Protein backbone atom coordinates (compact mmCIF):
# COMPACT_ATOMS: atom_id res chain seq x y z
CA UNK A 1 0.00 0.00 0.00
CA UNK A 2 1.26 3.43 -0.89
CA UNK A 3 0.22 7.07 -0.86
CA UNK A 4 0.72 7.95 -4.53
CA UNK A 5 -0.31 11.61 -4.50
CA UNK A 6 -1.39 14.27 -2.00
CA UNK A 7 -3.81 16.98 -3.19
CA UNK A 8 -5.35 20.08 -1.65
CA UNK A 9 -7.67 22.78 -2.93
CA UNK A 10 -9.60 25.88 -1.92
CA UNK A 11 -13.21 26.74 -2.83
CA UNK A 12 -13.62 28.63 -6.08
CA UNK A 13 -16.34 29.41 -8.59
CA UNK A 14 -16.06 27.36 -11.77
CA UNK A 15 -18.30 26.84 -14.78
CA UNK A 16 -19.11 23.16 -15.23
CA UNK A 17 -21.74 21.80 -17.58
CA UNK A 18 -22.72 25.35 -18.48
CA UNK A 19 -23.46 26.59 -14.97
CA UNK A 20 -21.45 28.27 -12.21
CA UNK A 21 -20.64 26.15 -9.18
CA UNK A 22 -18.81 26.97 -5.95
CA UNK A 23 -16.61 23.97 -5.26
CA UNK A 24 -13.30 22.78 -3.88
CA UNK A 25 -13.26 19.61 -5.98
CA UNK A 26 -10.44 20.91 -8.16
CA UNK A 27 -7.39 19.95 -6.14
CA UNK A 28 -3.72 20.08 -7.01
CA UNK A 29 -0.76 17.92 -6.10
CA UNK A 30 1.54 18.97 -3.31
CA UNK A 31 5.27 18.30 -3.41
CA UNK A 32 6.88 17.73 -0.04
CA UNK A 33 5.36 17.23 3.38
CA UNK A 34 1.86 18.39 4.29
CA UNK A 35 0.48 18.38 7.82
CA UNK A 36 -2.67 16.33 8.31
CA UNK A 37 -4.79 17.84 11.10
CA UNK A 38 -7.87 16.47 12.86
CA UNK A 39 -10.34 18.06 10.43
CA UNK A 40 -8.39 18.43 7.17
CA UNK A 41 -5.08 18.65 5.39
CA UNK A 42 -3.16 21.88 5.77
CA UNK A 43 -4.00 24.04 2.75
CA UNK A 44 -7.28 22.26 2.03
CA UNK A 45 -10.79 23.65 2.47
CA UNK A 46 -14.36 22.55 1.72
CA UNK A 47 -16.92 24.67 -0.12
CA UNK A 48 -19.82 22.92 1.62
CA UNK A 49 -19.14 22.44 5.34
CA UNK A 50 -22.49 20.70 5.87
CA UNK A 51 -21.94 17.77 3.50
CA UNK A 52 -18.16 17.73 3.31
CA UNK A 53 -15.33 17.86 5.81
CA UNK A 54 -15.61 17.50 9.57
CA UNK A 55 -14.28 14.86 11.94
CA UNK A 56 -15.50 11.80 10.00
CA UNK A 57 -14.51 13.24 6.61
CA UNK A 58 -11.16 14.74 7.46
CA UNK A 59 -9.47 13.19 4.45
CA UNK A 60 -10.84 11.66 1.23
CA UNK A 61 -9.02 8.69 -0.30
CA UNK A 62 -9.41 7.26 -3.80
CA UNK A 63 -7.77 4.18 -5.38
CA UNK A 64 -5.56 4.97 -8.36
CA UNK A 65 -6.52 1.57 -9.80
CA UNK A 66 -9.96 2.93 -10.79
CA UNK A 67 -8.64 5.81 -12.89
CA UNK A 68 -8.14 3.84 -16.17
CA UNK A 69 -11.73 2.56 -15.94
CA UNK A 70 -13.15 6.07 -15.61
CA UNK A 71 -10.93 7.40 -18.39
CA UNK A 72 -12.43 4.75 -20.67
CA UNK A 73 -15.99 5.47 -19.52
CA UNK A 74 -15.62 9.25 -19.82
CA UNK A 75 -13.49 9.13 -22.99
CA UNK A 76 -10.91 11.55 -21.65
CA UNK A 77 -7.70 11.87 -19.70
CA UNK A 78 -8.62 12.65 -16.12
CA UNK A 79 -7.10 15.58 -14.23
CA UNK A 80 -5.24 15.45 -10.95
CA UNK A 81 -7.46 14.31 -8.07
CA UNK A 82 -10.20 13.28 -10.53
CA UNK A 83 -12.71 12.61 -7.75
CA UNK A 84 -11.65 15.55 -5.60
CA UNK A 85 -9.66 13.27 -3.31
CA UNK A 86 -6.90 14.34 -0.93
CA UNK A 87 -5.03 11.03 -1.06
CA UNK A 88 -4.69 9.03 -4.26
CA UNK A 89 -3.94 5.54 -2.96
CA UNK A 90 -2.31 2.44 -4.37
CA UNK A 91 -3.26 -1.01 -3.10
CA UNK A 92 -6.34 0.00 -1.09
CA UNK A 93 -9.56 -1.10 -2.78
CA UNK A 94 -13.13 -0.90 -1.47
CA UNK A 95 -13.39 -4.70 -1.32
CA UNK A 96 -10.31 -4.90 0.91
CA UNK A 97 -10.58 -1.85 3.19
CA UNK A 98 -12.97 -2.11 6.13
CA UNK A 99 -14.76 0.42 8.26
CA UNK A 100 -12.87 1.11 11.47
CA UNK A 101 -9.57 -0.10 10.02
CA UNK A 102 -6.59 1.99 11.06
CA UNK A 103 -3.57 2.83 8.93
CA UNK A 104 -0.32 4.67 9.53
CA UNK A 105 0.31 7.13 6.69
CA UNK A 106 3.56 9.01 7.15
CA UNK A 107 3.43 10.37 10.70
CA UNK A 108 -0.38 10.35 10.85
CA UNK A 109 -2.78 7.63 12.00
CA UNK A 110 -6.15 7.47 10.23
CA UNK A 111 -9.32 5.38 10.64
CA UNK A 112 -11.72 4.56 7.79
CA UNK A 113 -15.23 5.84 8.56
CA UNK A 114 -17.43 5.55 5.44
CA UNK A 115 -17.58 5.33 1.65
CA UNK A 116 -17.42 8.51 -0.35
CA UNK A 117 -20.93 9.45 -1.55
CA UNK A 118 -20.76 11.07 -5.01
CA UNK A 119 -22.72 14.27 -5.60
CA UNK A 120 -24.01 16.30 -8.55
CA UNK A 121 -20.80 18.37 -8.69
CA UNK A 122 -18.88 15.29 -9.81
CA UNK A 123 -21.34 14.74 -12.66
CA UNK A 124 -21.20 18.43 -13.60
CA UNK A 125 -17.42 18.41 -13.66
CA UNK A 126 -17.37 15.81 -16.42
CA UNK A 127 -20.69 16.77 -18.06
CA UNK A 128 -21.81 13.20 -17.40
CA UNK A 129 -25.32 13.15 -15.83
CA UNK A 130 -25.18 9.39 -15.24
CA UNK A 131 -21.82 9.46 -13.46
CA UNK A 132 -23.22 9.51 -9.92
CA UNK A 133 -25.27 6.39 -10.64
CA UNK A 134 -22.30 4.73 -12.34
CA UNK A 135 -20.17 5.32 -9.26
CA UNK A 136 -22.84 3.78 -7.05
CA UNK A 137 -23.35 0.84 -9.42
CA UNK A 138 -19.65 0.03 -9.70
CA UNK A 139 -18.84 0.67 -6.06
CA UNK A 140 -15.76 2.64 -7.18
CA UNK A 141 -16.52 5.28 -4.59
CA UNK A 142 -13.37 5.80 -2.60
CA UNK A 143 -13.74 6.42 1.12
CA UNK A 144 -13.25 8.86 3.98
CA UNK A 145 -11.15 8.67 7.11
CA UNK A 146 -10.85 10.50 10.38
CA UNK A 147 -7.52 11.44 11.93
CA UNK A 148 -6.60 9.72 15.19
CA UNK A 149 -3.07 11.14 15.31
CA UNK A 150 -2.01 14.26 13.43
CA UNK A 151 1.23 14.34 11.52
CA UNK A 152 3.08 15.09 8.31
CA UNK A 153 2.35 13.09 5.16
CA UNK A 154 4.04 13.11 1.77
CA UNK A 155 3.46 11.58 -1.64
CA UNK A 156 5.33 8.28 -1.81
CA UNK A 157 4.79 7.44 1.87
CA UNK A 158 4.26 3.76 2.61
CA UNK A 159 0.92 2.93 4.22
CA UNK A 160 1.04 0.51 7.14
CA UNK A 161 -1.97 -1.50 8.30
CA UNK A 162 -2.42 -1.14 12.06
CA UNK A 163 -5.68 -2.90 12.90
CA UNK A 164 -9.00 -3.95 11.42
CA UNK A 165 -12.48 -2.74 12.28
CA UNK A 166 -14.34 -4.81 14.87
CA UNK A 167 -16.80 -6.43 12.45
CA UNK A 168 -14.71 -6.56 9.27
CA UNK A 169 -17.34 -4.64 7.30
CA UNK A 170 -15.79 -3.56 4.01
CA UNK A 171 -16.41 -0.29 2.22
CA UNK A 172 -17.82 -2.35 -0.66
CA UNK A 173 -20.36 -3.96 1.67
CA UNK A 174 -21.52 -0.56 2.91
CA UNK A 175 -21.95 0.59 -0.67
CA UNK A 176 -23.99 -2.50 -1.55
CA UNK A 177 -26.14 -2.21 1.56
CA UNK A 178 -26.95 1.42 0.75
CA UNK A 179 -27.20 1.48 -3.05
CA UNK A 180 -28.35 -2.01 -4.06
CA UNK A 181 -32.17 -2.12 -3.97
CA UNK A 182 -31.98 -5.88 -3.49
CA UNK A 183 -29.52 -5.80 -0.59
CA UNK A 184 -30.38 -8.55 1.88
CA UNK A 185 -31.44 -7.77 5.44
CA UNK A 186 -28.50 -9.82 6.73
CA UNK A 187 -26.03 -7.62 4.85
CA UNK A 188 -27.61 -4.40 6.09
CA UNK A 189 -27.64 -5.69 9.68
CA UNK A 190 -24.00 -6.71 9.34
CA UNK A 191 -23.05 -3.22 8.16
CA UNK A 192 -24.98 -1.59 11.01
CA UNK A 193 -23.19 -3.80 13.53
CA UNK A 194 -19.96 -1.86 12.91
CA UNK A 195 -19.80 0.87 15.54
CA UNK A 196 -17.11 2.76 13.62
CA UNK A 197 -19.49 3.45 10.70
CA UNK A 198 -20.13 7.19 10.43
CA UNK A 199 -23.47 8.26 11.92
CA UNK A 200 -24.74 9.83 8.69
CA UNK A 201 -25.05 6.36 7.12
CA UNK A 202 -27.06 4.82 9.93
CA UNK A 203 -30.52 6.37 9.55
CA UNK A 204 -31.03 5.45 5.87
CA UNK A 205 -29.69 1.94 6.45
CA UNK A 206 -31.89 1.44 9.52
CA UNK A 207 -34.92 2.59 7.50
CA UNK A 208 -34.01 0.20 4.69
CA UNK A 209 -33.58 -2.67 7.14
CA UNK A 210 -36.97 -1.95 8.69
CA UNK A 211 -38.61 -2.34 5.27
CA UNK A 212 -36.99 -5.76 4.89
CA UNK A 213 -38.58 -7.04 8.07
C-alpha atoms as a PDB file:
ATOM      1  CA  UNK A   1       0.000   0.000   0.000  1.00  0.00           C
ATOM      2  CA  UNK A   2       1.263   3.428  -0.893  1.00  0.00           C
ATOM      3  CA  UNK A   3       0.221   7.066  -0.863  1.00  0.00           C
ATOM      4  CA  UNK A   4       0.723   7.947  -4.530  1.00  0.00           C
ATOM      5  CA  UNK A   5      -0.309  11.615  -4.501  1.00  0.00           C
ATOM      6  CA  UNK A   6      -1.393  14.274  -2.000  1.00  0.00           C
ATOM      7  CA  UNK A   7      -3.805  16.977  -3.191  1.00  0.00           C
ATOM      8  CA  UNK A   8      -5.350  20.077  -1.651  1.00  0.00           C
ATOM      9  CA  UNK A   9      -7.665  22.784  -2.932  1.00  0.00           C
ATOM     10  CA  UNK A  10      -9.595  25.883  -1.923  1.00  0.00           C
ATOM     11  CA  UNK A  11     -13.211  26.740  -2.828  1.00  0.00           C
ATOM     12  CA  UNK A  12     -13.617  28.626  -6.083  1.00  0.00           C
ATOM     13  CA  UNK A  13     -16.340  29.406  -8.594  1.00  0.00           C
ATOM     14  CA  UNK A  14     -16.062  27.358 -11.774  1.00  0.00           C
ATOM     15  CA  UNK A  15     -18.302  26.837 -14.778  1.00  0.00           C
ATOM     16  CA  UNK A  16     -19.111  23.164 -15.231  1.00  0.00           C
ATOM     17  CA  UNK A  17     -21.737  21.805 -17.580  1.00  0.00           C
ATOM     18  CA  UNK A  18     -22.718  25.348 -18.482  1.00  0.00           C
ATOM     19  CA  UNK A  19     -23.456  26.594 -14.971  1.00  0.00           C
ATOM     20  CA  UNK A  20     -21.454  28.271 -12.210  1.00  0.00           C
ATOM     21  CA  UNK A  21     -20.644  26.154  -9.179  1.00  0.00           C
ATOM     22  CA  UNK A  22     -18.806  26.967  -5.952  1.00  0.00           C
ATOM     23  CA  UNK A  23     -16.614  23.973  -5.265  1.00  0.00           C
ATOM     24  CA  UNK A  24     -13.296  22.777  -3.878  1.00  0.00           C
ATOM     25  CA  UNK A  25     -13.258  19.612  -5.980  1.00  0.00           C
ATOM     26  CA  UNK A  26     -10.441  20.905  -8.164  1.00  0.00           C
ATOM     27  CA  UNK A  27      -7.394  19.954  -6.138  1.00  0.00           C
ATOM     28  CA  UNK A  28      -3.719  20.084  -7.008  1.00  0.00           C
ATOM     29  CA  UNK A  29      -0.760  17.922  -6.099  1.00  0.00           C
ATOM     30  CA  UNK A  30       1.540  18.968  -3.313  1.00  0.00           C
ATOM     31  CA  UNK A  31       5.273  18.296  -3.409  1.00  0.00           C
ATOM     32  CA  UNK A  32       6.877  17.728  -0.042  1.00  0.00           C
ATOM     33  CA  UNK A  33       5.364  17.229   3.383  1.00  0.00           C
ATOM     34  CA  UNK A  34       1.860  18.385   4.289  1.00  0.00           C
ATOM     35  CA  UNK A  35       0.483  18.377   7.822  1.00  0.00           C
ATOM     36  CA  UNK A  36      -2.674  16.327   8.313  1.00  0.00           C
ATOM     37  CA  UNK A  37      -4.793  17.835  11.100  1.00  0.00           C
ATOM     38  CA  UNK A  38      -7.868  16.473  12.858  1.00  0.00           C
ATOM     39  CA  UNK A  39     -10.336  18.065  10.429  1.00  0.00           C
ATOM     40  CA  UNK A  40      -8.390  18.428   7.167  1.00  0.00           C
ATOM     41  CA  UNK A  41      -5.080  18.647   5.392  1.00  0.00           C
ATOM     42  CA  UNK A  42      -3.156  21.883   5.772  1.00  0.00           C
ATOM     43  CA  UNK A  43      -3.996  24.037   2.749  1.00  0.00           C
ATOM     44  CA  UNK A  44      -7.282  22.263   2.025  1.00  0.00           C
ATOM     45  CA  UNK A  45     -10.787  23.654   2.472  1.00  0.00           C
ATOM     46  CA  UNK A  46     -14.363  22.551   1.721  1.00  0.00           C
ATOM     47  CA  UNK A  47     -16.918  24.670  -0.117  1.00  0.00           C
ATOM     48  CA  UNK A  48     -19.822  22.921   1.622  1.00  0.00           C
ATOM     49  CA  UNK A  49     -19.137  22.444   5.340  1.00  0.00           C
ATOM     50  CA  UNK A  50     -22.492  20.704   5.869  1.00  0.00           C
ATOM     51  CA  UNK A  51     -21.943  17.774   3.501  1.00  0.00           C
ATOM     52  CA  UNK A  52     -18.157  17.729   3.311  1.00  0.00           C
ATOM     53  CA  UNK A  53     -15.330  17.863   5.810  1.00  0.00           C
ATOM     54  CA  UNK A  54     -15.606  17.500   9.566  1.00  0.00           C
ATOM     55  CA  UNK A  55     -14.285  14.863  11.935  1.00  0.00           C
ATOM     56  CA  UNK A  56     -15.504  11.800   9.998  1.00  0.00           C
ATOM     57  CA  UNK A  57     -14.511  13.244   6.608  1.00  0.00           C
ATOM     58  CA  UNK A  58     -11.160  14.743   7.459  1.00  0.00           C
ATOM     59  CA  UNK A  59      -9.471  13.186   4.446  1.00  0.00           C
ATOM     60  CA  UNK A  60     -10.844  11.660   1.232  1.00  0.00           C
ATOM     61  CA  UNK A  61      -9.016   8.688  -0.302  1.00  0.00           C
ATOM     62  CA  UNK A  62      -9.414   7.259  -3.801  1.00  0.00           C
ATOM     63  CA  UNK A  63      -7.773   4.177  -5.375  1.00  0.00           C
ATOM     64  CA  UNK A  64      -5.561   4.966  -8.357  1.00  0.00           C
ATOM     65  CA  UNK A  65      -6.516   1.569  -9.797  1.00  0.00           C
ATOM     66  CA  UNK A  66      -9.958   2.933 -10.790  1.00  0.00           C
ATOM     67  CA  UNK A  67      -8.641   5.806 -12.893  1.00  0.00           C
ATOM     68  CA  UNK A  68      -8.144   3.836 -16.168  1.00  0.00           C
ATOM     69  CA  UNK A  69     -11.725   2.564 -15.935  1.00  0.00           C
ATOM     70  CA  UNK A  70     -13.154   6.074 -15.607  1.00  0.00           C
ATOM     71  CA  UNK A  71     -10.934   7.403 -18.393  1.00  0.00           C
ATOM     72  CA  UNK A  72     -12.428   4.753 -20.669  1.00  0.00           C
ATOM     73  CA  UNK A  73     -15.990   5.470 -19.523  1.00  0.00           C
ATOM     74  CA  UNK A  74     -15.616   9.251 -19.815  1.00  0.00           C
ATOM     75  CA  UNK A  75     -13.486   9.128 -22.986  1.00  0.00           C
ATOM     76  CA  UNK A  76     -10.909  11.551 -21.654  1.00  0.00           C
ATOM     77  CA  UNK A  77      -7.700  11.871 -19.704  1.00  0.00           C
ATOM     78  CA  UNK A  78      -8.621  12.651 -16.123  1.00  0.00           C
ATOM     79  CA  UNK A  79      -7.096  15.584 -14.232  1.00  0.00           C
ATOM     80  CA  UNK A  80      -5.237  15.454 -10.948  1.00  0.00           C
ATOM     81  CA  UNK A  81      -7.458  14.314  -8.073  1.00  0.00           C
ATOM     82  CA  UNK A  82     -10.201  13.279 -10.525  1.00  0.00           C
ATOM     83  CA  UNK A  83     -12.709  12.610  -7.754  1.00  0.00           C
ATOM     84  CA  UNK A  84     -11.651  15.547  -5.599  1.00  0.00           C
ATOM     85  CA  UNK A  85      -9.659  13.270  -3.305  1.00  0.00           C
ATOM     86  CA  UNK A  86      -6.897  14.339  -0.935  1.00  0.00           C
ATOM     87  CA  UNK A  87      -5.034  11.027  -1.065  1.00  0.00           C
ATOM     88  CA  UNK A  88      -4.687   9.026  -4.262  1.00  0.00           C
ATOM     89  CA  UNK A  89      -3.943   5.536  -2.959  1.00  0.00           C
ATOM     90  CA  UNK A  90      -2.311   2.441  -4.375  1.00  0.00           C
ATOM     91  CA  UNK A  91      -3.260  -1.015  -3.096  1.00  0.00           C
ATOM     92  CA  UNK A  92      -6.336   0.001  -1.090  1.00  0.00           C
ATOM     93  CA  UNK A  93      -9.563  -1.099  -2.777  1.00  0.00           C
ATOM     94  CA  UNK A  94     -13.128  -0.897  -1.469  1.00  0.00           C
ATOM     95  CA  UNK A  95     -13.392  -4.704  -1.317  1.00  0.00           C
ATOM     96  CA  UNK A  96     -10.308  -4.895   0.912  1.00  0.00           C
ATOM     97  CA  UNK A  97     -10.582  -1.853   3.191  1.00  0.00           C
ATOM     98  CA  UNK A  98     -12.968  -2.113   6.128  1.00  0.00           C
ATOM     99  CA  UNK A  99     -14.757   0.424   8.264  1.00  0.00           C
ATOM    100  CA  UNK A 100     -12.865   1.106  11.469  1.00  0.00           C
ATOM    101  CA  UNK A 101      -9.570  -0.102  10.017  1.00  0.00           C
ATOM    102  CA  UNK A 102      -6.585   1.987  11.059  1.00  0.00           C
ATOM    103  CA  UNK A 103      -3.570   2.831   8.928  1.00  0.00           C
ATOM    104  CA  UNK A 104      -0.320   4.667   9.530  1.00  0.00           C
ATOM    105  CA  UNK A 105       0.310   7.133   6.685  1.00  0.00           C
ATOM    106  CA  UNK A 106       3.556   9.011   7.146  1.00  0.00           C
ATOM    107  CA  UNK A 107       3.425  10.367  10.700  1.00  0.00           C
ATOM    108  CA  UNK A 108      -0.383  10.345  10.851  1.00  0.00           C
ATOM    109  CA  UNK A 109      -2.782   7.629  12.001  1.00  0.00           C
ATOM    110  CA  UNK A 110      -6.153   7.467  10.234  1.00  0.00           C
ATOM    111  CA  UNK A 111      -9.316   5.378  10.642  1.00  0.00           C
ATOM    112  CA  UNK A 112     -11.719   4.561   7.792  1.00  0.00           C
ATOM    113  CA  UNK A 113     -15.232   5.845   8.555  1.00  0.00           C
ATOM    114  CA  UNK A 114     -17.426   5.547   5.440  1.00  0.00           C
ATOM    115  CA  UNK A 115     -17.575   5.328   1.652  1.00  0.00           C
ATOM    116  CA  UNK A 116     -17.418   8.510  -0.348  1.00  0.00           C
ATOM    117  CA  UNK A 117     -20.929   9.455  -1.547  1.00  0.00           C
ATOM    118  CA  UNK A 118     -20.758  11.068  -5.015  1.00  0.00           C
ATOM    119  CA  UNK A 119     -22.721  14.273  -5.604  1.00  0.00           C
ATOM    120  CA  UNK A 120     -24.006  16.302  -8.555  1.00  0.00           C
ATOM    121  CA  UNK A 121     -20.800  18.366  -8.694  1.00  0.00           C
ATOM    122  CA  UNK A 122     -18.882  15.289  -9.810  1.00  0.00           C
ATOM    123  CA  UNK A 123     -21.344  14.738 -12.659  1.00  0.00           C
ATOM    124  CA  UNK A 124     -21.197  18.427 -13.600  1.00  0.00           C
ATOM    125  CA  UNK A 125     -17.418  18.414 -13.662  1.00  0.00           C
ATOM    126  CA  UNK A 126     -17.374  15.807 -16.425  1.00  0.00           C
ATOM    127  CA  UNK A 127     -20.690  16.773 -18.058  1.00  0.00           C
ATOM    128  CA  UNK A 128     -21.814  13.200 -17.395  1.00  0.00           C
ATOM    129  CA  UNK A 129     -25.319  13.153 -15.835  1.00  0.00           C
ATOM    130  CA  UNK A 130     -25.180   9.391 -15.236  1.00  0.00           C
ATOM    131  CA  UNK A 131     -21.817   9.460 -13.456  1.00  0.00           C
ATOM    132  CA  UNK A 132     -23.223   9.507  -9.921  1.00  0.00           C
ATOM    133  CA  UNK A 133     -25.275   6.386 -10.645  1.00  0.00           C
ATOM    134  CA  UNK A 134     -22.299   4.732 -12.345  1.00  0.00           C
ATOM    135  CA  UNK A 135     -20.170   5.316  -9.260  1.00  0.00           C
ATOM    136  CA  UNK A 136     -22.841   3.777  -7.049  1.00  0.00           C
ATOM    137  CA  UNK A 137     -23.355   0.837  -9.420  1.00  0.00           C
ATOM    138  CA  UNK A 138     -19.654   0.028  -9.704  1.00  0.00           C
ATOM    139  CA  UNK A 139     -18.836   0.669  -6.058  1.00  0.00           C
ATOM    140  CA  UNK A 140     -15.758   2.635  -7.176  1.00  0.00           C
ATOM    141  CA  UNK A 141     -16.524   5.285  -4.587  1.00  0.00           C
ATOM    142  CA  UNK A 142     -13.368   5.797  -2.604  1.00  0.00           C
ATOM    143  CA  UNK A 143     -13.739   6.420   1.117  1.00  0.00           C
ATOM    144  CA  UNK A 144     -13.249   8.859   3.975  1.00  0.00           C
ATOM    145  CA  UNK A 145     -11.145   8.668   7.108  1.00  0.00           C
ATOM    146  CA  UNK A 146     -10.850  10.505  10.380  1.00  0.00           C
ATOM    147  CA  UNK A 147      -7.525  11.440  11.925  1.00  0.00           C
ATOM    148  CA  UNK A 148      -6.603   9.718  15.185  1.00  0.00           C
ATOM    149  CA  UNK A 149      -3.073  11.139  15.305  1.00  0.00           C
ATOM    150  CA  UNK A 150      -2.009  14.255  13.429  1.00  0.00           C
ATOM    151  CA  UNK A 151       1.234  14.336  11.521  1.00  0.00           C
ATOM    152  CA  UNK A 152       3.079  15.086   8.310  1.00  0.00           C
ATOM    153  CA  UNK A 153       2.354  13.087   5.163  1.00  0.00           C
ATOM    154  CA  UNK A 154       4.039  13.106   1.771  1.00  0.00           C
ATOM    155  CA  UNK A 155       3.464  11.585  -1.644  1.00  0.00           C
ATOM    156  CA  UNK A 156       5.325   8.278  -1.807  1.00  0.00           C
ATOM    157  CA  UNK A 157       4.795   7.439   1.866  1.00  0.00           C
ATOM    158  CA  UNK A 158       4.258   3.765   2.612  1.00  0.00           C
ATOM    159  CA  UNK A 159       0.918   2.931   4.216  1.00  0.00           C
ATOM    160  CA  UNK A 160       1.035   0.507   7.141  1.00  0.00           C
ATOM    161  CA  UNK A 161      -1.972  -1.498   8.297  1.00  0.00           C
ATOM    162  CA  UNK A 162      -2.416  -1.139  12.063  1.00  0.00           C
ATOM    163  CA  UNK A 163      -5.676  -2.898  12.903  1.00  0.00           C
ATOM    164  CA  UNK A 164      -8.998  -3.954  11.423  1.00  0.00           C
ATOM    165  CA  UNK A 165     -12.475  -2.740  12.281  1.00  0.00           C
ATOM    166  CA  UNK A 166     -14.340  -4.808  14.873  1.00  0.00           C
ATOM    167  CA  UNK A 167     -16.800  -6.435  12.453  1.00  0.00           C
ATOM    168  CA  UNK A 168     -14.715  -6.559   9.273  1.00  0.00           C
ATOM    169  CA  UNK A 169     -17.339  -4.642   7.295  1.00  0.00           C
ATOM    170  CA  UNK A 170     -15.789  -3.564   4.007  1.00  0.00           C
ATOM    171  CA  UNK A 171     -16.408  -0.288   2.222  1.00  0.00           C
ATOM    172  CA  UNK A 172     -17.818  -2.354  -0.659  1.00  0.00           C
ATOM    173  CA  UNK A 173     -20.362  -3.962   1.674  1.00  0.00           C
ATOM    174  CA  UNK A 174     -21.520  -0.564   2.914  1.00  0.00           C
ATOM    175  CA  UNK A 175     -21.952   0.594  -0.669  1.00  0.00           C
ATOM    176  CA  UNK A 176     -23.987  -2.501  -1.554  1.00  0.00           C
ATOM    177  CA  UNK A 177     -26.145  -2.207   1.564  1.00  0.00           C
ATOM    178  CA  UNK A 178     -26.948   1.417   0.747  1.00  0.00           C
ATOM    179  CA  UNK A 179     -27.201   1.476  -3.050  1.00  0.00           C
ATOM    180  CA  UNK A 180     -28.349  -2.013  -4.061  1.00  0.00           C
ATOM    181  CA  UNK A 181     -32.167  -2.117  -3.975  1.00  0.00           C
ATOM    182  CA  UNK A 182     -31.985  -5.884  -3.492  1.00  0.00           C
ATOM    183  CA  UNK A 183     -29.521  -5.795  -0.587  1.00  0.00           C
ATOM    184  CA  UNK A 184     -30.383  -8.548   1.880  1.00  0.00           C
ATOM    185  CA  UNK A 185     -31.443  -7.766   5.443  1.00  0.00           C
ATOM    186  CA  UNK A 186     -28.503  -9.818   6.731  1.00  0.00           C
ATOM    187  CA  UNK A 187     -26.026  -7.623   4.850  1.00  0.00           C
ATOM    188  CA  UNK A 188     -27.609  -4.397   6.088  1.00  0.00           C
ATOM    189  CA  UNK A 189     -27.644  -5.690   9.680  1.00  0.00           C
ATOM    190  CA  UNK A 190     -23.997  -6.708   9.342  1.00  0.00           C
ATOM    191  CA  UNK A 191     -23.047  -3.221   8.160  1.00  0.00           C
ATOM    192  CA  UNK A 192     -24.984  -1.588  11.005  1.00  0.00           C
ATOM    193  CA  UNK A 193     -23.186  -3.802  13.527  1.00  0.00           C
ATOM    194  CA  UNK A 194     -19.963  -1.861  12.906  1.00  0.00           C
ATOM    195  CA  UNK A 195     -19.803   0.868  15.538  1.00  0.00           C
ATOM    196  CA  UNK A 196     -17.115   2.762  13.623  1.00  0.00           C
ATOM    197  CA  UNK A 197     -19.486   3.452  10.705  1.00  0.00           C
ATOM    198  CA  UNK A 198     -20.135   7.191  10.434  1.00  0.00           C
ATOM    199  CA  UNK A 199     -23.472   8.258  11.922  1.00  0.00           C
ATOM    200  CA  UNK A 200     -24.738   9.834   8.692  1.00  0.00           C
ATOM    201  CA  UNK A 201     -25.048   6.362   7.120  1.00  0.00           C
ATOM    202  CA  UNK A 202     -27.062   4.819   9.933  1.00  0.00           C
ATOM    203  CA  UNK A 203     -30.524   6.370   9.554  1.00  0.00           C
ATOM    204  CA  UNK A 204     -31.030   5.449   5.867  1.00  0.00           C
ATOM    205  CA  UNK A 205     -29.688   1.944   6.453  1.00  0.00           C
ATOM    206  CA  UNK A 206     -31.890   1.440   9.517  1.00  0.00           C
ATOM    207  CA  UNK A 207     -34.921   2.589   7.501  1.00  0.00           C
ATOM    208  CA  UNK A 208     -34.014   0.199   4.687  1.00  0.00           C
ATOM    209  CA  UNK A 209     -33.581  -2.666   7.139  1.00  0.00           C
ATOM    210  CA  UNK A 210     -36.972  -1.954   8.690  1.00  0.00           C
ATOM    211  CA  UNK A 211     -38.606  -2.337   5.266  1.00  0.00           C
ATOM    212  CA  UNK A 212     -36.987  -5.763   4.887  1.00  0.00           C
ATOM    213  CA  UNK A 213     -38.575  -7.041   8.069  1.00  0.00           C
END
